[in-house]
N, C-alpha and C. Protein backbone atom coordinates (compact mmCIF):
# COMPACT_ATOMS: atom_id res chain seq x y z
N MET A 1 64.12 -62.53 50.24
CA MET A 1 63.11 -63.36 49.46
C MET A 1 61.92 -63.14 50.11
N GLY A 2 61.61 -63.38 51.25
CA GLY A 2 60.40 -63.42 52.16
C GLY A 2 59.35 -61.94 51.93
N LEU A 3 58.66 -62.89 52.19
CA LEU A 3 56.75 -61.73 51.84
C LEU A 3 56.83 -60.70 53.48
N PRO A 4 56.13 -59.69 53.25
CA PRO A 4 56.39 -58.76 54.56
C PRO A 4 55.48 -59.48 55.45
N GLU A 5 56.12 -58.51 56.38
CA GLU A 5 55.13 -59.45 57.44
C GLU A 5 53.56 -58.44 57.58
N GLU A 6 53.44 -57.53 57.23
CA GLU A 6 51.94 -57.11 56.67
C GLU A 6 51.66 -57.27 55.62
N ARG A 7 50.28 -56.87 55.68
CA ARG A 7 49.64 -57.34 54.94
C ARG A 7 50.30 -56.08 53.27
N PRO A 8 50.54 -57.04 51.95
CA PRO A 8 50.46 -55.80 50.80
C PRO A 8 49.40 -54.64 50.69
N PRO A 9 50.05 -53.69 50.06
CA PRO A 9 48.69 -53.22 49.74
C PRO A 9 48.68 -53.50 48.32
N GLY A 10 47.10 -53.32 47.85
CA GLY A 10 46.92 -54.00 46.52
C GLY A 10 46.14 -55.46 47.00
N LEU A 11 46.43 -56.08 47.84
CA LEU A 11 46.56 -57.60 47.70
C LEU A 11 44.87 -58.15 47.41
N ASP A 12 44.29 -57.29 47.32
CA ASP A 12 42.52 -57.36 46.92
C ASP A 12 42.60 -57.34 45.25
N SER A 13 43.42 -56.48 44.96
CA SER A 13 43.29 -55.92 43.31
C SER A 13 42.66 -57.20 42.26
N PRO A 14 42.02 -56.73 41.49
CA PRO A 14 41.78 -57.95 40.30
C PRO A 14 43.07 -58.51 39.57
N TRP A 15 44.68 -57.36 40.05
CA TRP A 15 45.44 -58.04 39.24
C TRP A 15 46.12 -59.01 39.53
N THR A 16 46.18 -58.97 41.62
CA THR A 16 46.74 -60.07 42.24
C THR A 16 45.78 -61.30 41.46
N ALA A 17 44.59 -61.28 41.64
CA ALA A 17 43.93 -62.63 41.10
C ALA A 17 43.79 -63.07 39.90
N ARG A 18 44.63 -61.97 39.21
CA ARG A 18 45.26 -62.50 37.17
C ARG A 18 46.48 -63.45 37.72
N ILE A 19 47.02 -62.45 38.60
CA ILE A 19 48.55 -63.25 38.46
C ILE A 19 48.64 -64.54 38.60
N ILE A 20 47.87 -64.53 39.79
CA ILE A 20 47.35 -66.14 41.07
C ILE A 20 46.99 -67.11 39.44
N LYS A 21 45.97 -66.63 38.32
CA LYS A 21 45.64 -67.48 37.81
C LYS A 21 46.27 -67.79 36.68
N TYR A 22 46.78 -66.97 35.89
CA TYR A 22 48.14 -67.40 35.02
C TYR A 22 49.67 -68.15 35.77
N GLY A 23 49.51 -67.70 36.49
CA GLY A 23 51.05 -68.49 37.13
C GLY A 23 51.02 -69.70 37.58
N ALA A 24 49.38 -70.02 38.05
CA ALA A 24 49.21 -71.23 38.27
C ALA A 24 49.29 -72.01 37.33
N LYS A 25 48.53 -71.38 35.99
CA LYS A 25 47.59 -72.03 35.13
C LYS A 25 49.66 -72.85 33.90
N ALA A 26 50.43 -71.43 34.04
CA ALA A 26 51.42 -72.20 33.80
C ALA A 26 52.37 -73.23 34.51
N GLN A 27 52.21 -72.96 36.30
CA GLN A 27 52.66 -74.36 36.64
C GLN A 27 52.17 -75.85 36.84
N VAL A 28 50.87 -75.31 36.25
CA VAL A 28 50.25 -76.98 35.58
C VAL A 28 50.51 -77.47 34.27
N ALA A 29 51.31 -76.37 33.58
CA ALA A 29 51.74 -76.68 32.33
C ALA A 29 52.53 -77.47 31.99
N VAL A 30 53.33 -76.95 32.60
CA VAL A 30 54.99 -77.72 32.81
C VAL A 30 55.09 -78.71 34.49
N PHE A 31 54.32 -78.78 34.91
CA PHE A 31 54.24 -79.93 36.10
C PHE A 31 53.85 -80.99 35.47
N ARG A 32 52.76 -81.10 34.19
CA ARG A 32 52.38 -82.00 33.35
C ARG A 32 52.84 -82.19 32.48
N ALA A 33 53.77 -81.82 31.20
CA ALA A 33 54.73 -81.45 30.75
C ALA A 33 55.83 -82.42 31.17
N THR A 34 56.61 -82.47 31.96
CA THR A 34 57.72 -83.37 32.76
C THR A 34 57.31 -84.10 33.59
N ASN A 35 55.74 -84.38 34.50
CA ASN A 35 54.92 -85.12 35.00
C ASN A 35 55.56 -85.23 36.32
N GLY A 36 55.92 -83.78 36.94
CA GLY A 36 56.29 -83.38 38.04
C GLY A 36 57.35 -82.85 38.08
N ARG A 37 58.38 -83.21 37.53
CA ARG A 37 59.97 -83.23 37.52
C ARG A 37 60.46 -81.79 37.91
N VAL A 38 59.57 -80.99 37.02
CA VAL A 38 59.83 -79.58 37.13
C VAL A 38 58.61 -78.83 37.94
N GLY A 39 58.86 -78.31 38.89
CA GLY A 39 57.44 -77.66 39.17
C GLY A 39 56.95 -78.03 40.17
N LYS A 40 57.71 -79.27 40.69
CA LYS A 40 57.18 -80.20 42.33
C LYS A 40 57.78 -79.23 43.54
N TYR A 41 58.27 -78.61 43.29
CA TYR A 41 58.73 -77.32 44.33
C TYR A 41 58.04 -76.21 44.31
N TRP A 42 57.86 -75.09 45.62
CA TRP A 42 57.34 -74.19 45.75
C TRP A 42 58.17 -73.09 45.95
N ARG A 43 59.10 -72.04 45.04
CA ARG A 43 60.11 -71.48 45.64
C ARG A 43 60.10 -70.53 45.91
N ILE A 44 58.86 -69.46 46.32
CA ILE A 44 58.31 -68.00 46.44
C ILE A 44 58.19 -67.84 48.09
N GLY A 45 58.78 -66.89 48.36
CA GLY A 45 58.36 -66.20 49.67
C GLY A 45 59.41 -67.74 50.71
N ALA A 46 58.63 -68.09 51.48
CA ALA A 46 59.45 -68.59 52.59
C ALA A 46 59.49 -70.13 51.77
N GLY A 47 59.22 -70.59 50.49
CA GLY A 47 59.73 -71.60 49.91
C GLY A 47 60.93 -71.35 49.05
N TRP A 48 61.64 -70.12 49.16
CA TRP A 48 63.31 -70.25 48.30
C TRP A 48 63.81 -70.76 48.96
N LYS A 49 64.23 -70.27 50.23
CA LYS A 49 64.90 -71.12 51.08
C LYS A 49 65.22 -72.13 51.40
N LYS A 50 63.42 -72.57 51.17
CA LYS A 50 62.76 -73.91 52.09
C LYS A 50 61.83 -74.81 51.27
N PRO A 51 62.47 -75.16 49.85
CA PRO A 51 60.99 -75.33 48.66
C PRO A 51 60.22 -76.42 49.20
N VAL A 52 58.89 -76.25 49.00
CA VAL A 52 57.74 -76.59 49.15
C VAL A 52 57.03 -77.38 48.68
N PRO A 53 56.87 -79.10 48.82
CA PRO A 53 56.16 -79.78 47.51
C PRO A 53 54.77 -79.42 47.00
N THR A 54 54.82 -79.54 46.07
CA THR A 54 53.41 -78.98 45.43
C THR A 54 52.92 -80.43 44.45
N LEU A 55 51.28 -80.47 44.30
CA LEU A 55 50.73 -81.42 43.35
C LEU A 55 49.69 -81.04 42.77
N LEU A 56 49.30 -81.38 42.20
CA LEU A 56 47.54 -80.93 40.97
C LEU A 56 46.56 -81.63 41.78
N LEU A 57 46.20 -80.73 42.19
CA LEU A 57 44.77 -81.25 42.20
C LEU A 57 43.61 -80.81 41.64
N HIS A 58 42.91 -82.28 40.86
CA HIS A 58 41.48 -81.88 39.58
C HIS A 58 40.36 -82.11 40.11
N HIS A 59 39.80 -81.12 40.34
CA HIS A 59 38.63 -81.17 40.87
C HIS A 59 37.25 -80.55 39.70
N VAL A 60 36.17 -80.75 40.31
CA VAL A 60 34.67 -79.91 39.25
C VAL A 60 34.55 -79.19 39.86
N GLY A 61 34.22 -77.89 39.04
CA GLY A 61 33.21 -77.08 39.37
C GLY A 61 31.69 -77.42 40.09
N ARG A 62 31.46 -76.86 41.17
CA ARG A 62 30.16 -77.23 41.95
C ARG A 62 29.26 -76.93 41.34
N LYS A 63 29.35 -75.19 40.14
CA LYS A 63 28.38 -75.09 39.72
C LYS A 63 28.11 -75.43 37.64
N SER A 64 29.60 -75.17 37.18
CA SER A 64 29.72 -75.25 35.79
C SER A 64 29.89 -76.86 35.98
N GLY A 65 30.05 -77.96 36.02
CA GLY A 65 31.07 -78.94 36.25
C GLY A 65 32.10 -78.78 35.13
N THR A 66 32.75 -78.02 34.93
CA THR A 66 34.13 -78.04 34.55
C THR A 66 35.11 -78.38 35.11
N ALA A 67 35.88 -79.55 34.95
CA ALA A 67 36.87 -80.01 35.33
C ALA A 67 38.16 -79.29 35.55
N PHE A 68 38.84 -78.78 36.47
CA PHE A 68 39.33 -77.74 36.95
C PHE A 68 40.92 -78.69 37.34
N THR A 69 42.20 -78.12 37.38
CA THR A 69 43.73 -78.47 37.47
C THR A 69 43.93 -77.19 38.40
N THR A 70 44.40 -77.39 39.63
CA THR A 70 45.25 -76.50 40.39
C THR A 70 46.58 -76.56 41.55
N PRO A 71 47.47 -76.28 41.22
CA PRO A 71 49.28 -76.69 41.94
C PRO A 71 48.37 -76.35 43.00
N LEU A 72 49.14 -77.04 44.26
CA LEU A 72 48.56 -76.76 45.67
C LEU A 72 50.34 -77.18 46.15
N LEU A 73 50.39 -76.48 46.97
CA LEU A 73 51.72 -76.92 48.55
C LEU A 73 50.88 -78.09 48.88
N TYR A 74 51.44 -78.77 49.74
CA TYR A 74 51.39 -80.06 50.82
C TYR A 74 51.97 -80.87 51.64
N LEU A 75 51.80 -81.10 52.26
CA LEU A 75 51.84 -82.30 53.60
C LEU A 75 51.35 -82.81 53.82
N ARG A 76 52.28 -84.13 53.67
CA ARG A 76 51.99 -86.08 53.51
C ARG A 76 52.44 -85.89 55.14
N ASP A 77 51.00 -86.44 55.28
CA ASP A 77 50.99 -86.61 57.07
C ASP A 77 51.09 -87.67 56.70
N GLY A 78 51.63 -88.87 57.60
CA GLY A 78 51.92 -89.87 57.71
C GLY A 78 52.73 -90.69 56.24
N ASP A 79 52.68 -91.85 56.82
CA ASP A 79 54.05 -92.92 55.98
C ASP A 79 53.45 -93.44 54.93
N GLY A 80 54.15 -93.43 53.80
CA GLY A 80 54.16 -94.22 52.84
C GLY A 80 53.26 -93.85 51.94
N PRO A 81 52.89 -94.82 50.75
CA PRO A 81 52.34 -93.95 49.84
C PRO A 81 50.88 -93.60 49.79
N ASP A 82 50.47 -94.28 51.35
CA ASP A 82 48.76 -94.38 51.36
C ASP A 82 48.63 -93.50 52.79
N ALA A 83 49.82 -92.19 52.67
CA ALA A 83 49.40 -91.63 53.83
C ALA A 83 48.34 -89.86 52.98
N ASP A 84 47.95 -89.42 54.70
CA ASP A 84 46.61 -88.40 53.63
C ASP A 84 47.82 -87.15 53.19
N LEU A 85 47.80 -86.54 52.57
CA LEU A 85 47.62 -85.52 51.71
C LEU A 85 46.88 -84.08 52.51
N VAL A 86 48.00 -82.95 53.01
CA VAL A 86 46.98 -81.63 53.49
C VAL A 86 47.44 -81.01 52.74
N ILE A 87 46.18 -80.04 52.16
CA ILE A 87 45.94 -78.69 51.75
C ILE A 87 46.19 -77.53 52.45
N VAL A 88 46.37 -76.44 52.39
CA VAL A 88 45.72 -74.87 52.42
C VAL A 88 44.66 -74.46 52.15
N ALA A 89 43.56 -73.60 52.62
CA ALA A 89 42.86 -72.87 51.41
C ALA A 89 43.34 -71.46 51.80
N SER A 90 44.69 -71.20 51.47
CA SER A 90 45.18 -69.94 52.02
C SER A 90 44.61 -68.61 51.20
N GLN A 91 44.97 -69.10 49.69
CA GLN A 91 45.06 -68.84 48.56
C GLN A 91 46.12 -66.89 48.88
N GLY A 92 46.81 -66.82 49.82
CA GLY A 92 47.29 -65.72 49.21
C GLY A 92 47.07 -65.22 50.57
N GLY A 93 46.08 -65.28 51.34
CA GLY A 93 45.50 -64.66 52.26
C GLY A 93 44.80 -63.27 52.12
N LEU A 94 44.59 -63.76 50.62
CA LEU A 94 43.06 -62.74 50.01
C LEU A 94 41.60 -62.90 50.82
N PRO A 95 41.13 -62.36 50.76
CA PRO A 95 40.14 -62.44 51.75
C PRO A 95 38.78 -63.22 51.58
N LYS A 96 37.91 -64.91 50.51
CA LYS A 96 37.72 -65.20 50.16
C LYS A 96 38.35 -67.03 50.23
N ASN A 97 37.93 -67.39 50.46
CA ASN A 97 38.51 -69.08 49.76
C ASN A 97 38.56 -68.84 48.76
N PRO A 98 39.30 -69.74 48.33
CA PRO A 98 39.63 -70.53 46.62
C PRO A 98 38.14 -71.04 46.50
N GLN A 99 38.41 -70.86 45.01
CA GLN A 99 36.61 -71.91 44.58
C GLN A 99 37.35 -73.40 44.63
N TRP A 100 38.98 -73.67 44.51
CA TRP A 100 39.13 -75.32 44.82
C TRP A 100 38.21 -76.06 46.09
N PHE A 101 38.75 -75.06 46.65
CA PHE A 101 37.85 -75.31 48.51
C PHE A 101 36.59 -75.71 48.43
N HIS A 102 36.06 -74.56 47.55
CA HIS A 102 34.05 -74.76 47.78
C HIS A 102 33.87 -75.96 46.51
N ASN A 103 34.60 -76.36 45.29
CA ASN A 103 34.68 -77.43 44.46
C ASN A 103 34.14 -79.12 45.42
N LEU A 104 35.88 -78.81 46.50
CA LEU A 104 36.04 -79.97 47.17
C LEU A 104 35.04 -80.49 48.47
N MET A 105 34.49 -79.32 48.90
CA MET A 105 33.20 -79.62 49.47
C MET A 105 31.94 -79.77 48.95
N ALA A 106 31.73 -79.67 47.85
CA ALA A 106 30.80 -79.87 47.14
C ALA A 106 30.70 -81.26 46.54
N ALA A 107 31.86 -82.05 46.14
CA ALA A 107 32.33 -82.80 45.88
C ALA A 107 33.89 -83.36 46.30
N PRO A 108 33.74 -83.93 47.06
CA PRO A 108 34.69 -84.17 47.64
C PRO A 108 35.93 -85.31 47.15
N ASP A 109 35.39 -86.71 46.68
CA ASP A 109 36.00 -87.12 45.66
C ASP A 109 36.42 -86.73 44.49
N CYS A 110 37.73 -86.49 44.26
CA CYS A 110 38.55 -85.69 43.46
C CYS A 110 40.01 -86.50 43.37
N GLU A 111 41.04 -86.12 42.52
CA GLU A 111 42.25 -87.11 42.32
C GLU A 111 43.09 -85.59 42.33
N VAL A 112 44.63 -86.44 42.68
CA VAL A 112 45.61 -85.43 42.79
C VAL A 112 46.93 -86.14 41.87
N SER A 113 47.51 -85.09 41.32
CA SER A 113 48.59 -85.72 41.32
C SER A 113 50.23 -85.65 41.41
N LEU A 114 50.85 -86.65 41.98
CA LEU A 114 52.08 -85.80 42.52
C LEU A 114 53.48 -86.29 41.57
N PRO A 115 54.31 -85.94 41.68
CA PRO A 115 55.03 -85.95 40.64
C PRO A 115 55.92 -87.56 40.80
N GLY A 116 55.66 -87.71 39.40
CA GLY A 116 55.42 -89.46 38.96
C GLY A 116 54.70 -90.28 39.76
N ARG A 117 53.29 -90.02 39.70
CA ARG A 117 52.19 -90.26 40.05
C ARG A 117 51.10 -89.31 39.43
N ARG A 118 50.33 -90.40 38.65
CA ARG A 118 48.96 -89.21 37.56
C ARG A 118 47.78 -89.86 38.55
N ARG A 119 47.06 -88.35 38.54
CA ARG A 119 45.36 -88.89 38.59
C ARG A 119 45.01 -90.03 40.00
N VAL A 120 45.94 -90.09 41.36
CA VAL A 120 45.49 -90.50 42.20
C VAL A 120 44.28 -90.12 42.63
N PRO A 121 43.30 -90.86 43.24
CA PRO A 121 42.28 -90.80 43.73
C PRO A 121 42.02 -91.13 44.98
N VAL A 122 41.22 -89.72 45.38
CA VAL A 122 41.63 -89.01 46.78
C VAL A 122 40.22 -88.81 47.26
N HIS A 123 40.02 -88.35 48.95
CA HIS A 123 38.54 -87.90 49.69
C HIS A 123 39.02 -86.76 50.44
N ALA A 124 38.33 -85.67 50.19
CA ALA A 124 38.56 -84.47 50.65
C ALA A 124 37.65 -84.35 51.83
N HIS A 125 38.23 -83.71 52.99
CA HIS A 125 37.63 -83.15 54.25
C HIS A 125 38.50 -82.35 54.70
N ARG A 126 36.83 -81.04 54.99
CA ARG A 126 37.89 -80.07 55.88
C ARG A 126 38.72 -80.56 57.49
N ALA A 127 39.20 -80.02 57.47
CA ALA A 127 40.26 -80.61 59.28
C ALA A 127 38.64 -80.25 59.96
N ASP A 128 38.85 -81.09 60.78
CA ASP A 128 38.34 -80.20 61.64
C ASP A 128 38.96 -80.21 63.59
N PRO A 129 38.61 -78.99 64.08
CA PRO A 129 39.08 -78.14 64.91
C PRO A 129 40.20 -78.25 65.52
N ALA A 130 40.35 -79.81 65.72
CA ALA A 130 41.15 -80.40 66.31
C ALA A 130 41.81 -81.28 65.73
N GLU A 131 41.76 -81.48 64.28
CA GLU A 131 42.84 -82.15 63.90
C GLU A 131 43.51 -80.69 62.79
N LYS A 132 42.83 -79.44 62.65
CA LYS A 132 43.58 -78.25 62.23
C LYS A 132 44.57 -78.06 63.25
N GLU A 133 44.26 -78.06 64.33
CA GLU A 133 45.09 -77.39 65.77
C GLU A 133 46.58 -78.56 65.86
N ARG A 134 46.23 -79.74 65.24
CA ARG A 134 47.20 -80.18 65.04
C ARG A 134 48.29 -80.91 64.49
N LEU A 135 47.41 -80.01 63.05
CA LEU A 135 48.18 -79.96 61.87
C LEU A 135 48.96 -78.87 61.34
N TRP A 136 48.29 -77.68 61.72
CA TRP A 136 48.87 -76.13 61.51
C TRP A 136 50.12 -76.24 62.07
N PRO A 137 50.08 -76.43 63.23
CA PRO A 137 51.67 -76.24 63.34
C PRO A 137 53.18 -76.51 62.11
N LEU A 138 52.36 -78.16 61.65
CA LEU A 138 53.15 -78.25 60.56
C LEU A 138 53.51 -77.68 59.63
N LEU A 139 52.07 -77.62 59.21
CA LEU A 139 52.17 -76.43 58.00
C LEU A 139 52.61 -75.67 57.80
N VAL A 140 52.85 -74.69 59.08
CA VAL A 140 53.96 -73.31 58.84
C VAL A 140 55.18 -73.81 59.25
N ASP A 141 55.12 -74.48 59.67
CA ASP A 141 56.45 -75.46 59.73
C ASP A 141 56.77 -75.66 58.17
N LEU A 142 56.51 -76.39 57.53
CA LEU A 142 56.22 -76.31 56.35
C LEU A 142 56.65 -74.81 55.42
N TYR A 143 56.10 -74.23 55.41
CA TYR A 143 55.79 -73.39 54.66
C TYR A 143 55.48 -72.08 55.26
N ALA A 144 56.87 -71.32 56.05
CA ALA A 144 56.55 -70.40 57.51
C ALA A 144 55.14 -68.70 56.49
N ASP A 145 54.79 -68.82 55.34
CA ASP A 145 54.12 -68.08 54.76
C ASP A 145 52.39 -68.05 55.33
N PHE A 146 52.27 -69.61 55.61
CA PHE A 146 50.72 -69.92 55.77
C PHE A 146 50.58 -69.08 57.39
N ALA A 147 51.66 -68.44 58.33
CA ALA A 147 51.22 -68.09 59.06
C ALA A 147 51.17 -66.45 58.60
N LYS A 148 52.09 -65.62 58.06
CA LYS A 148 51.61 -64.50 57.13
C LYS A 148 50.18 -64.78 56.57
N TYR A 149 49.80 -65.31 56.41
CA TYR A 149 48.30 -65.53 54.83
C TYR A 149 47.03 -65.11 56.50
N ALA A 150 47.41 -66.21 57.78
CA ALA A 150 46.48 -66.09 58.53
C ALA A 150 46.59 -65.02 59.24
N VAL A 151 47.40 -64.13 59.52
CA VAL A 151 47.65 -62.65 59.89
C VAL A 151 46.92 -61.50 58.88
N TRP A 152 46.96 -62.17 57.70
CA TRP A 152 46.91 -61.16 56.88
C TRP A 152 45.40 -60.73 56.27
N THR A 153 44.33 -61.73 56.98
CA THR A 153 43.23 -61.83 56.02
C THR A 153 42.32 -62.25 57.29
N ASP A 154 40.41 -61.94 57.60
CA ASP A 154 40.33 -62.18 58.55
C ASP A 154 39.54 -63.19 58.82
N ARG A 155 39.27 -64.34 57.41
CA ARG A 155 38.81 -65.80 57.86
C ARG A 155 39.61 -66.71 58.19
N ASP A 156 39.32 -67.32 58.79
CA ASP A 156 40.07 -68.70 59.36
C ASP A 156 39.60 -69.61 58.06
N ILE A 157 41.71 -69.74 58.07
CA ILE A 157 41.78 -70.76 56.22
C ILE A 157 41.82 -71.65 56.78
N PRO A 158 40.81 -72.53 55.88
CA PRO A 158 41.12 -73.74 56.08
C PRO A 158 41.53 -75.06 55.77
N VAL A 159 41.88 -75.99 56.72
CA VAL A 159 42.86 -76.80 56.08
C VAL A 159 41.58 -78.09 55.50
N VAL A 160 42.60 -78.76 53.86
CA VAL A 160 41.78 -79.72 53.75
C VAL A 160 42.41 -80.88 53.82
N VAL A 161 42.01 -82.29 54.37
CA VAL A 161 42.91 -83.38 53.96
C VAL A 161 42.31 -84.41 53.31
N LEU A 162 43.01 -84.89 52.20
CA LEU A 162 43.18 -85.22 50.83
C LEU A 162 43.60 -87.04 51.44
N SER A 163 42.30 -87.40 51.75
CA SER A 163 42.33 -89.19 52.05
C SER A 163 42.48 -89.96 50.98
N PRO A 164 43.98 -90.76 51.02
CA PRO A 164 43.44 -91.82 49.58
C PRO A 164 42.31 -92.58 49.30
N ARG A 165 41.73 -93.63 48.39
CA ARG A 165 40.17 -94.16 48.84
C ARG A 165 40.23 -94.65 47.21
């Protein structure tokens, strides 16, 4: 059930973006309806054998001002409820950064929903090179397909740290 080592043909297709968009909407709906009891783990690709925790990122469009909610895999960096949360702007190895990343860089104060915890206020910052160097192996250990995505794209995949505020 793992992803291929080579970049899949058609990854840049508009259909791929559409599938990601509607899959995300379904996951958000299920996560919200169950307060995270269902939808709290990603079970696709490397997540099939090693499920990965997910959160809902609540952010505002930098141009439209529209409120958006995006499901993302996350790594808890630290112990306790005040630990940082780390997310990756991989977008499945697509050539462009996801819109949520640009939105967070424009308006870094946002909120996340975790299983059993709704609308937790956080502040986002892009990991600097030293932070990314420390976090990337932990992220790949969490979800091995991040390494494949990095090979599939020419861009430097951003890592974003969400700190409680």
